[in-house]
Amino acid sequence: MHQILNCKLMQLVILAGGFGTRLKSILNGLPKPLADVNGEPFLKLLFQNWVKNGFNDFVLCLHYEADKIIKFVNQEQNFGVLKNCKIQFSIEPTPMGTGGAISYAVKNLDIENYILITNADTWLDQDYKKIINSDENTITIVQVENTERYGSVIIDDKNK
């Protein structure tokens, strides 16, 4: 089961293995993707958005508190928004960082199709079709008022 958009097989690879260090004091032992937002785990809100945007094939890259995220996802797959979705888990034996987590998942799950990579702690209310239908490798950036924390990207008039 893959999402087919623009004749591409597309899996959504979700980076969800971090320690959530900055939020640890308010997470009560939960991994950051399961942080409570108005009575719902943040990851549930993300999945609802992704499914609404046409995704149905997910790979979760996990490490910290992986068992809690797997339990939540399995419940959602049985009774919730993920009922008709394919889910795979890639559990890093040690923290590998962003690139390492992606490489580990691609290698160990034999991922050969197009993938879209996202974070499990970031809400992007984007038109995913623009990204998916691109004929080139694509990175999505978000405009913010203050780039001090995140850094900046300079693009030309052709969005390059």
N, C-alpha and C. Protein backbone atom coordinates (compact mmCIF):
# COMPACT_ATOMS: atom_id res chain seq x y z
N MET A 1 0.84 -1.17 0.00
CA MET A 1 0.00 0.00 0.00
C MET A 1 0.90 1.24 0.00
N HIS A 2 0.90 1.98 -1.06
CA HIS A 2 1.66 3.22 -1.18
C HIS A 2 0.72 4.30 -1.67
N GLN A 3 1.04 5.51 -1.33
CA GLN A 3 0.29 6.64 -1.88
C GLN A 3 0.79 6.86 -3.30
N ILE A 4 -0.12 6.95 -4.25
CA ILE A 4 0.26 7.20 -5.63
C ILE A 4 -0.19 8.60 -6.01
N LEU A 5 0.75 9.47 -6.21
CA LEU A 5 0.50 10.83 -6.66
C LEU A 5 1.48 11.11 -7.78
N ASN A 6 0.99 11.62 -8.89
CA ASN A 6 1.85 11.93 -10.02
C ASN A 6 2.69 10.71 -10.43
N CYS A 7 2.07 9.54 -10.38
CA CYS A 7 2.71 8.28 -10.78
C CYS A 7 3.92 7.93 -9.92
N LYS A 8 4.01 8.49 -8.72
CA LYS A 8 5.10 8.16 -7.82
C LYS A 8 4.57 7.33 -6.65
N LEU A 9 5.34 6.33 -6.25
CA LEU A 9 5.03 5.64 -5.01
C LEU A 9 5.69 6.44 -3.90
N MET A 10 4.91 6.88 -2.94
CA MET A 10 5.42 7.81 -1.94
C MET A 10 5.18 7.28 -0.53
N GLN A 11 6.27 7.17 0.23
CA GLN A 11 6.18 6.82 1.63
C GLN A 11 6.55 8.07 2.43
N LEU A 12 5.87 8.25 3.56
CA LEU A 12 6.21 9.35 4.45
C LEU A 12 7.08 8.79 5.57
N VAL A 13 8.32 9.25 5.62
CA VAL A 13 9.27 8.82 6.64
C VAL A 13 9.25 9.88 7.75
N ILE A 14 8.93 9.44 8.96
CA ILE A 14 8.70 10.34 10.08
C ILE A 14 9.82 10.17 11.10
N LEU A 15 10.57 11.23 11.33
CA LEU A 15 11.63 11.21 12.32
C LEU A 15 11.03 11.44 13.70
N ALA A 16 11.04 10.41 14.52
CA ALA A 16 10.37 10.47 15.83
C ALA A 16 11.21 9.83 16.92
N GLY A 17 12.53 9.87 16.79
CA GLY A 17 13.38 9.15 17.73
C GLY A 17 14.13 9.99 18.72
N GLY A 18 13.93 11.32 18.69
CA GLY A 18 14.70 12.21 19.55
C GLY A 18 14.29 12.13 21.01
N PHE A 19 15.11 12.74 21.85
CA PHE A 19 14.91 12.69 23.30
C PHE A 19 13.97 13.78 23.82
N GLY A 20 13.68 14.79 23.03
CA GLY A 20 12.81 15.86 23.51
C GLY A 20 13.38 16.57 24.72
N THR A 21 14.67 16.78 24.72
CA THR A 21 15.39 17.30 25.88
C THR A 21 14.81 18.63 26.38
N ARG A 22 14.53 19.57 25.48
CA ARG A 22 14.06 20.89 25.92
C ARG A 22 12.67 20.82 26.55
N LEU A 23 11.87 19.81 26.22
CA LEU A 23 10.51 19.71 26.75
C LEU A 23 10.36 18.63 27.83
N LYS A 24 11.46 17.97 28.15
CA LYS A 24 11.40 16.82 29.06
C LYS A 24 10.66 17.13 30.36
N SER A 25 10.82 18.34 30.88
CA SER A 25 10.22 18.68 32.18
C SER A 25 8.70 18.73 32.13
N ILE A 26 8.11 18.88 30.95
CA ILE A 26 6.64 18.94 30.87
C ILE A 26 6.02 17.73 30.16
N LEU A 27 6.84 16.81 29.71
CA LEU A 27 6.33 15.66 28.96
C LEU A 27 5.92 14.49 29.85
N ASN A 28 6.27 14.51 31.12
CA ASN A 28 5.90 13.45 32.06
C ASN A 28 6.28 12.05 31.56
N GLY A 29 7.49 11.92 31.03
CA GLY A 29 7.98 10.62 30.60
C GLY A 29 7.56 10.20 29.20
N LEU A 30 6.77 11.02 28.53
CA LEU A 30 6.35 10.69 27.16
C LEU A 30 7.40 11.16 26.16
N PRO A 31 7.52 10.48 25.04
CA PRO A 31 8.34 11.02 23.97
C PRO A 31 7.64 12.24 23.37
N LYS A 32 8.40 13.17 22.84
CA LYS A 32 7.86 14.44 22.34
C LYS A 32 6.71 14.27 21.35
N PRO A 33 6.73 13.31 20.42
CA PRO A 33 5.60 13.18 19.49
C PRO A 33 4.27 12.85 20.17
N LEU A 34 4.32 12.35 21.40
CA LEU A 34 3.09 12.03 22.11
C LEU A 34 2.67 13.13 23.09
N ALA A 35 3.31 14.29 23.01
CA ALA A 35 2.95 15.41 23.88
C ALA A 35 1.47 15.74 23.71
N ASP A 36 0.82 16.04 24.81
CA ASP A 36 -0.60 16.36 24.82
C ASP A 36 -0.84 17.76 24.23
N VAL A 37 -1.73 17.81 23.24
CA VAL A 37 -2.16 19.07 22.66
C VAL A 37 -3.69 19.06 22.68
N ASN A 38 -4.26 19.82 23.59
CA ASN A 38 -5.72 19.87 23.75
C ASN A 38 -6.35 18.49 23.90
N GLY A 39 -5.71 17.63 24.68
CA GLY A 39 -6.26 16.31 24.97
C GLY A 39 -5.93 15.22 23.97
N GLU A 40 -5.15 15.54 22.97
CA GLU A 40 -4.76 14.54 21.95
C GLU A 40 -3.24 14.50 21.84
N PRO A 41 -2.67 13.32 21.59
CA PRO A 41 -1.23 13.26 21.31
C PRO A 41 -0.93 14.03 20.01
N PHE A 42 0.13 14.81 20.02
CA PHE A 42 0.49 15.60 18.84
C PHE A 42 0.63 14.71 17.60
N LEU A 43 1.19 13.52 17.78
CA LEU A 43 1.36 12.61 16.65
C LEU A 43 0.02 12.24 16.02
N LYS A 44 -1.02 12.13 16.81
CA LYS A 44 -2.35 11.84 16.27
C LYS A 44 -2.82 12.98 15.35
N LEU A 45 -2.60 14.21 15.79
CA LEU A 45 -2.98 15.36 14.97
C LEU A 45 -2.19 15.37 13.66
N LEU A 46 -0.91 15.03 13.75
CA LEU A 46 -0.09 14.95 12.54
C LEU A 46 -0.61 13.88 11.59
N PHE A 47 -0.87 12.68 12.13
CA PHE A 47 -1.39 11.60 11.28
C PHE A 47 -2.72 12.00 10.63
N GLN A 48 -3.59 12.64 11.36
CA GLN A 48 -4.87 13.09 10.78
C GLN A 48 -4.61 14.01 9.60
N ASN A 49 -3.66 14.92 9.74
CA ASN A 49 -3.33 15.85 8.67
C ASN A 49 -2.70 15.12 7.48
N TRP A 50 -1.79 14.21 7.76
CA TRP A 50 -1.13 13.47 6.67
C TRP A 50 -2.13 12.60 5.91
N VAL A 51 -2.98 11.89 6.62
CA VAL A 51 -3.99 11.05 5.97
C VAL A 51 -4.94 11.92 5.15
N LYS A 52 -5.35 13.06 5.70
CA LYS A 52 -6.21 13.99 4.98
C LYS A 52 -5.55 14.46 3.68
N ASN A 53 -4.22 14.55 3.69
CA ASN A 53 -3.48 14.98 2.51
C ASN A 53 -3.10 13.82 1.59
N GLY A 54 -3.63 12.63 1.85
CA GLY A 54 -3.47 11.53 0.91
C GLY A 54 -2.42 10.49 1.24
N PHE A 55 -1.72 10.63 2.33
CA PHE A 55 -0.70 9.64 2.68
C PHE A 55 -1.34 8.45 3.38
N ASN A 56 -0.81 7.25 3.07
CA ASN A 56 -1.31 6.04 3.72
C ASN A 56 -0.21 5.01 3.96
N ASP A 57 1.04 5.41 3.74
CA ASP A 57 2.18 4.51 3.88
C ASP A 57 3.25 5.24 4.69
N PHE A 58 3.48 4.80 5.93
CA PHE A 58 4.33 5.53 6.84
C PHE A 58 5.47 4.67 7.35
N VAL A 59 6.64 5.30 7.52
CA VAL A 59 7.79 4.69 8.18
C VAL A 59 8.15 5.59 9.34
N LEU A 60 8.15 5.05 10.54
CA LEU A 60 8.54 5.83 11.72
C LEU A 60 9.95 5.45 12.13
N CYS A 61 10.83 6.44 12.17
CA CYS A 61 12.20 6.25 12.65
C CYS A 61 12.20 6.56 14.13
N LEU A 62 12.51 5.55 14.94
CA LEU A 62 12.35 5.65 16.38
C LEU A 62 13.63 5.32 17.13
N HIS A 63 13.72 5.83 18.33
CA HIS A 63 14.75 5.42 19.28
C HIS A 63 14.22 5.61 20.70
N TYR A 64 14.22 6.84 21.19
CA TYR A 64 13.80 7.13 22.57
C TYR A 64 12.32 6.77 22.76
N GLU A 65 12.05 5.94 23.77
CA GLU A 65 10.69 5.53 24.12
C GLU A 65 9.93 4.97 22.91
N ALA A 66 10.63 4.23 22.08
CA ALA A 66 10.03 3.66 20.87
C ALA A 66 8.80 2.82 21.19
N ASP A 67 8.84 2.07 22.29
CA ASP A 67 7.72 1.20 22.63
C ASP A 67 6.43 1.99 22.86
N LYS A 68 6.53 3.18 23.43
CA LYS A 68 5.33 4.00 23.67
C LYS A 68 4.73 4.50 22.36
N ILE A 69 5.59 4.87 21.43
CA ILE A 69 5.10 5.35 20.13
C ILE A 69 4.50 4.18 19.35
N ILE A 70 5.15 3.03 19.38
CA ILE A 70 4.62 1.85 18.68
C ILE A 70 3.26 1.46 19.24
N LYS A 71 3.11 1.48 20.56
CA LYS A 71 1.83 1.15 21.18
C LYS A 71 0.74 2.11 20.71
N PHE A 72 1.04 3.40 20.71
CA PHE A 72 0.07 4.41 20.25
C PHE A 72 -0.30 4.17 18.79
N VAL A 73 0.69 3.98 17.93
CA VAL A 73 0.43 3.78 16.49
C VAL A 73 -0.38 2.52 16.26
N ASN A 74 -0.07 1.45 16.96
CA ASN A 74 -0.85 0.22 16.81
C ASN A 74 -2.31 0.42 17.20
N GLN A 75 -2.55 1.19 18.25
CA GLN A 75 -3.93 1.49 18.65
C GLN A 75 -4.64 2.29 17.56
N GLU A 76 -3.96 3.26 17.00
CA GLU A 76 -4.55 4.08 15.93
C GLU A 76 -4.77 3.25 14.67
N GLN A 77 -3.93 2.27 14.44
CA GLN A 77 -4.09 1.43 13.26
C GLN A 77 -5.27 0.49 13.44
N ASN A 78 -5.53 0.07 14.66
CA ASN A 78 -6.64 -0.83 14.92
C ASN A 78 -7.98 -0.11 15.02
N PHE A 79 -7.98 1.10 15.59
CA PHE A 79 -9.26 1.75 15.90
C PHE A 79 -9.36 3.20 15.44
N GLY A 80 -8.32 3.77 14.88
CA GLY A 80 -8.33 5.20 14.62
C GLY A 80 -8.01 5.58 13.19
N VAL A 81 -7.39 6.72 13.07
CA VAL A 81 -7.13 7.35 11.78
C VAL A 81 -6.22 6.51 10.87
N LEU A 82 -5.45 5.61 11.43
CA LEU A 82 -4.50 4.81 10.64
C LEU A 82 -5.07 3.46 10.22
N LYS A 83 -6.37 3.29 10.33
CA LYS A 83 -7.01 2.00 10.10
C LYS A 83 -6.66 1.39 8.73
N ASN A 84 -6.57 2.19 7.70
CA ASN A 84 -6.30 1.68 6.35
C ASN A 84 -4.91 2.05 5.86
N CYS A 85 -3.97 2.15 6.79
CA CYS A 85 -2.62 2.58 6.44
C CYS A 85 -1.60 1.47 6.68
N LYS A 86 -0.52 1.57 5.93
CA LYS A 86 0.63 0.68 6.14
C LYS A 86 1.62 1.42 7.04
N ILE A 87 2.10 0.73 8.06
CA ILE A 87 3.04 1.32 9.02
C ILE A 87 4.24 0.39 9.15
N GLN A 88 5.43 0.98 9.07
CA GLN A 88 6.66 0.25 9.36
C GLN A 88 7.44 1.03 10.41
N PHE A 89 8.21 0.32 11.20
CA PHE A 89 9.02 0.95 12.24
C PHE A 89 10.49 0.65 11.98
N SER A 90 11.31 1.66 12.14
CA SER A 90 12.76 1.52 12.07
C SER A 90 13.29 1.99 13.41
N ILE A 91 13.79 1.07 14.23
CA ILE A 91 14.23 1.41 15.57
C ILE A 91 15.76 1.42 15.60
N GLU A 92 16.32 2.60 15.80
CA GLU A 92 17.77 2.76 15.84
C GLU A 92 18.32 2.14 17.13
N PRO A 93 19.39 1.36 17.05
CA PRO A 93 19.97 0.77 18.26
C PRO A 93 20.63 1.83 19.14
N THR A 94 21.15 2.87 18.53
CA THR A 94 21.72 4.03 19.23
C THR A 94 21.28 5.27 18.45
N PRO A 95 21.23 6.43 19.10
CA PRO A 95 20.84 7.65 18.39
C PRO A 95 21.78 7.92 17.22
N MET A 96 21.22 8.14 16.04
CA MET A 96 22.03 8.28 14.83
C MET A 96 21.89 9.65 14.18
N GLY A 97 21.07 10.53 14.74
CA GLY A 97 20.86 11.83 14.12
C GLY A 97 19.95 11.71 12.91
N THR A 98 19.64 12.83 12.31
CA THR A 98 18.69 12.86 11.19
C THR A 98 19.14 11.99 10.02
N GLY A 99 20.32 12.26 9.50
CA GLY A 99 20.81 11.50 8.35
C GLY A 99 21.00 10.03 8.65
N GLY A 100 21.51 9.73 9.82
CA GLY A 100 21.71 8.35 10.22
C GLY A 100 20.40 7.59 10.34
N ALA A 101 19.39 8.25 10.90
CA ALA A 101 18.08 7.60 11.05
C ALA A 101 17.48 7.28 9.69
N ILE A 102 17.58 8.21 8.77
CA ILE A 102 17.04 8.00 7.42
C ILE A 102 17.79 6.87 6.72
N SER A 103 19.11 6.92 6.76
CA SER A 103 19.93 5.89 6.12
C SER A 103 19.64 4.51 6.71
N TYR A 104 19.52 4.45 8.02
CA TYR A 104 19.24 3.18 8.70
C TYR A 104 17.89 2.61 8.25
N ALA A 105 16.89 3.47 8.17
CA ALA A 105 15.55 3.02 7.73
C ALA A 105 15.58 2.55 6.29
N VAL A 106 16.19 3.32 5.42
CA VAL A 106 16.24 2.96 4.00
C VAL A 106 16.94 1.62 3.81
N LYS A 107 18.04 1.43 4.51
CA LYS A 107 18.81 0.19 4.39
C LYS A 107 18.06 -1.00 4.99
N ASN A 108 17.53 -0.85 6.19
CA ASN A 108 16.95 -1.99 6.91
C ASN A 108 15.53 -2.33 6.49
N LEU A 109 14.83 -1.40 5.88
CA LEU A 109 13.47 -1.67 5.42
C LEU A 109 13.40 -1.81 3.90
N ASP A 110 14.55 -1.81 3.25
CA ASP A 110 14.62 -1.94 1.79
C ASP A 110 13.71 -0.94 1.09
N ILE A 111 13.76 0.31 1.51
CA ILE A 111 12.97 1.37 0.89
C ILE A 111 13.60 1.72 -0.45
N GLU A 112 12.82 1.61 -1.51
CA GLU A 112 13.32 1.90 -2.85
C GLU A 112 12.47 2.92 -3.58
N ASN A 113 11.38 3.35 -2.99
CA ASN A 113 10.47 4.28 -3.65
C ASN A 113 10.80 5.72 -3.24
N TYR A 114 10.06 6.64 -3.83
CA TYR A 114 10.18 8.03 -3.42
C TYR A 114 9.74 8.15 -1.97
N ILE A 115 10.43 9.00 -1.24
CA ILE A 115 10.05 9.24 0.15
C ILE A 115 9.95 10.74 0.40
N LEU A 116 9.10 11.07 1.34
CA LEU A 116 9.02 12.41 1.86
C LEU A 116 9.38 12.28 3.33
N ILE A 117 10.32 13.09 3.78
CA ILE A 117 10.81 13.01 5.15
C ILE A 117 10.27 14.19 5.94
N THR A 118 9.77 13.91 7.14
CA THR A 118 9.24 14.96 8.00
C THR A 118 9.59 14.65 9.44
N ASN A 119 9.41 15.63 10.29
CA ASN A 119 9.65 15.47 11.72
C ASN A 119 8.34 15.25 12.45
N ALA A 120 8.38 14.47 13.51
CA ALA A 120 7.18 14.18 14.30
C ALA A 120 6.92 15.24 15.35
N ASP A 121 7.68 16.31 15.33
CA ASP A 121 7.45 17.38 16.30
C ASP A 121 7.20 18.73 15.61
N THR A 122 6.85 18.68 14.33
CA THR A 122 6.69 19.91 13.55
C THR A 122 5.38 19.87 12.79
N TRP A 123 4.58 20.92 12.97
CA TRP A 123 3.32 21.04 12.23
C TRP A 123 3.57 21.89 10.99
N LEU A 124 3.31 21.33 9.83
CA LEU A 124 3.36 22.07 8.58
C LEU A 124 2.03 21.88 7.89
N ASP A 125 1.28 22.94 7.80
CA ASP A 125 0.00 22.88 7.12
C ASP A 125 0.23 23.29 5.67
N GLN A 126 0.89 22.42 4.95
CA GLN A 126 1.32 22.69 3.58
C GLN A 126 0.43 21.98 2.57
N ASP A 127 0.52 22.44 1.35
CA ASP A 127 -0.07 21.72 0.23
C ASP A 127 0.96 20.69 -0.22
N TYR A 128 0.84 19.49 0.28
CA TYR A 128 1.83 18.46 0.01
C TYR A 128 1.93 18.10 -1.48
N LYS A 129 0.87 18.35 -2.23
CA LYS A 129 0.90 18.01 -3.66
C LYS A 129 2.00 18.77 -4.40
N LYS A 130 2.26 20.00 -4.00
CA LYS A 130 3.33 20.78 -4.63
C LYS A 130 4.68 20.10 -4.42
N ILE A 131 4.88 19.57 -3.24
CA ILE A 131 6.14 18.90 -2.94
C ILE A 131 6.22 17.58 -3.69
N ILE A 132 5.17 16.79 -3.60
CA ILE A 132 5.15 15.46 -4.19
C ILE A 132 5.26 15.51 -5.71
N ASN A 133 4.63 16.49 -6.33
CA ASN A 133 4.62 16.56 -7.78
C ASN A 133 5.86 17.21 -8.37
N SER A 134 6.80 17.60 -7.55
CA SER A 134 8.04 18.18 -8.04
C SER A 134 8.83 17.10 -8.77
N ASP A 135 9.49 17.48 -9.84
CA ASP A 135 10.31 16.54 -10.60
C ASP A 135 11.74 16.46 -10.06
N GLU A 136 12.03 17.24 -9.03
CA GLU A 136 13.37 17.29 -8.48
C GLU A 136 13.33 16.99 -6.99
N ASN A 137 14.51 16.71 -6.43
CA ASN A 137 14.60 16.61 -4.98
C ASN A 137 14.15 17.95 -4.41
N THR A 138 13.38 17.92 -3.34
CA THR A 138 12.77 19.13 -2.82
C THR A 138 12.94 19.21 -1.31
N ILE A 139 13.21 20.42 -0.84
CA ILE A 139 13.24 20.70 0.60
C ILE A 139 12.24 21.82 0.83
N THR A 140 11.37 21.62 1.80
CA THR A 140 10.41 22.65 2.14
C THR A 140 10.99 23.53 3.23
N ILE A 141 10.84 24.82 3.06
CA ILE A 141 11.27 25.76 4.09
C ILE A 141 10.07 26.60 4.51
N VAL A 142 10.16 27.13 5.69
CA VAL A 142 9.07 27.93 6.24
C VAL A 142 9.62 29.32 6.57
N GLN A 143 8.88 30.34 6.18
CA GLN A 143 9.30 31.70 6.50
C GLN A 143 8.92 32.04 7.94
N VAL A 144 9.89 32.53 8.69
CA VAL A 144 9.66 32.95 10.06
C VAL A 144 10.22 34.35 10.25
N GLU A 145 9.70 35.05 11.23
CA GLU A 145 10.15 36.42 11.50
C GLU A 145 11.60 36.45 11.96
N ASN A 146 11.96 35.59 12.91
CA ASN A 146 13.28 35.60 13.50
C ASN A 146 13.98 34.28 13.17
N THR A 147 15.07 34.35 12.42
CA THR A 147 15.79 33.13 12.00
C THR A 147 16.97 32.80 12.93
N GLU A 148 17.10 33.53 14.01
CA GLU A 148 18.25 33.36 14.90
C GLU A 148 18.37 31.92 15.40
N ARG A 149 17.26 31.30 15.77
CA ARG A 149 17.29 29.94 16.32
C ARG A 149 17.52 28.88 15.25
N TYR A 150 16.99 29.11 14.05
CA TYR A 150 16.98 28.07 13.03
C TYR A 150 17.99 28.26 11.91
N GLY A 151 18.45 29.47 11.70
CA GLY A 151 19.29 29.76 10.56
C GLY A 151 18.43 30.23 9.41
N SER A 152 19.04 30.45 8.27
CA SER A 152 18.27 30.98 7.15
C SER A 152 18.67 30.32 5.84
N VAL A 153 17.83 30.49 4.86
CA VAL A 153 18.05 29.96 3.52
C VAL A 153 17.82 31.10 2.55
N ILE A 154 18.70 31.24 1.58
CA ILE A 154 18.53 32.25 0.55
C ILE A 154 18.10 31.54 -0.73
N ILE A 155 17.00 32.02 -1.32
CA ILE A 155 16.53 31.42 -2.58
C ILE A 155 16.45 32.50 -3.65
N ASP A 156 16.55 32.06 -4.91
CA ASP A 156 16.48 33.00 -6.01
C ASP A 156 15.04 33.11 -6.52
N ASP A 157 14.85 33.82 -7.62
CA ASP A 157 13.51 34.03 -8.15
C ASP A 157 12.88 32.77 -8.73
N LYS A 158 13.64 31.68 -8.84
CA LYS A 158 13.11 30.41 -9.32
C LYS A 158 12.97 29.39 -8.17
N ASN A 159 13.00 29.91 -6.96
CA ASN A 159 12.91 29.07 -5.75
C ASN A 159 14.05 28.07 -5.65
N LYS A 160 15.19 28.43 -6.12
CA LYS A 160 16.39 27.58 -6.03
C LYS A 160 17.37 28.21 -5.06
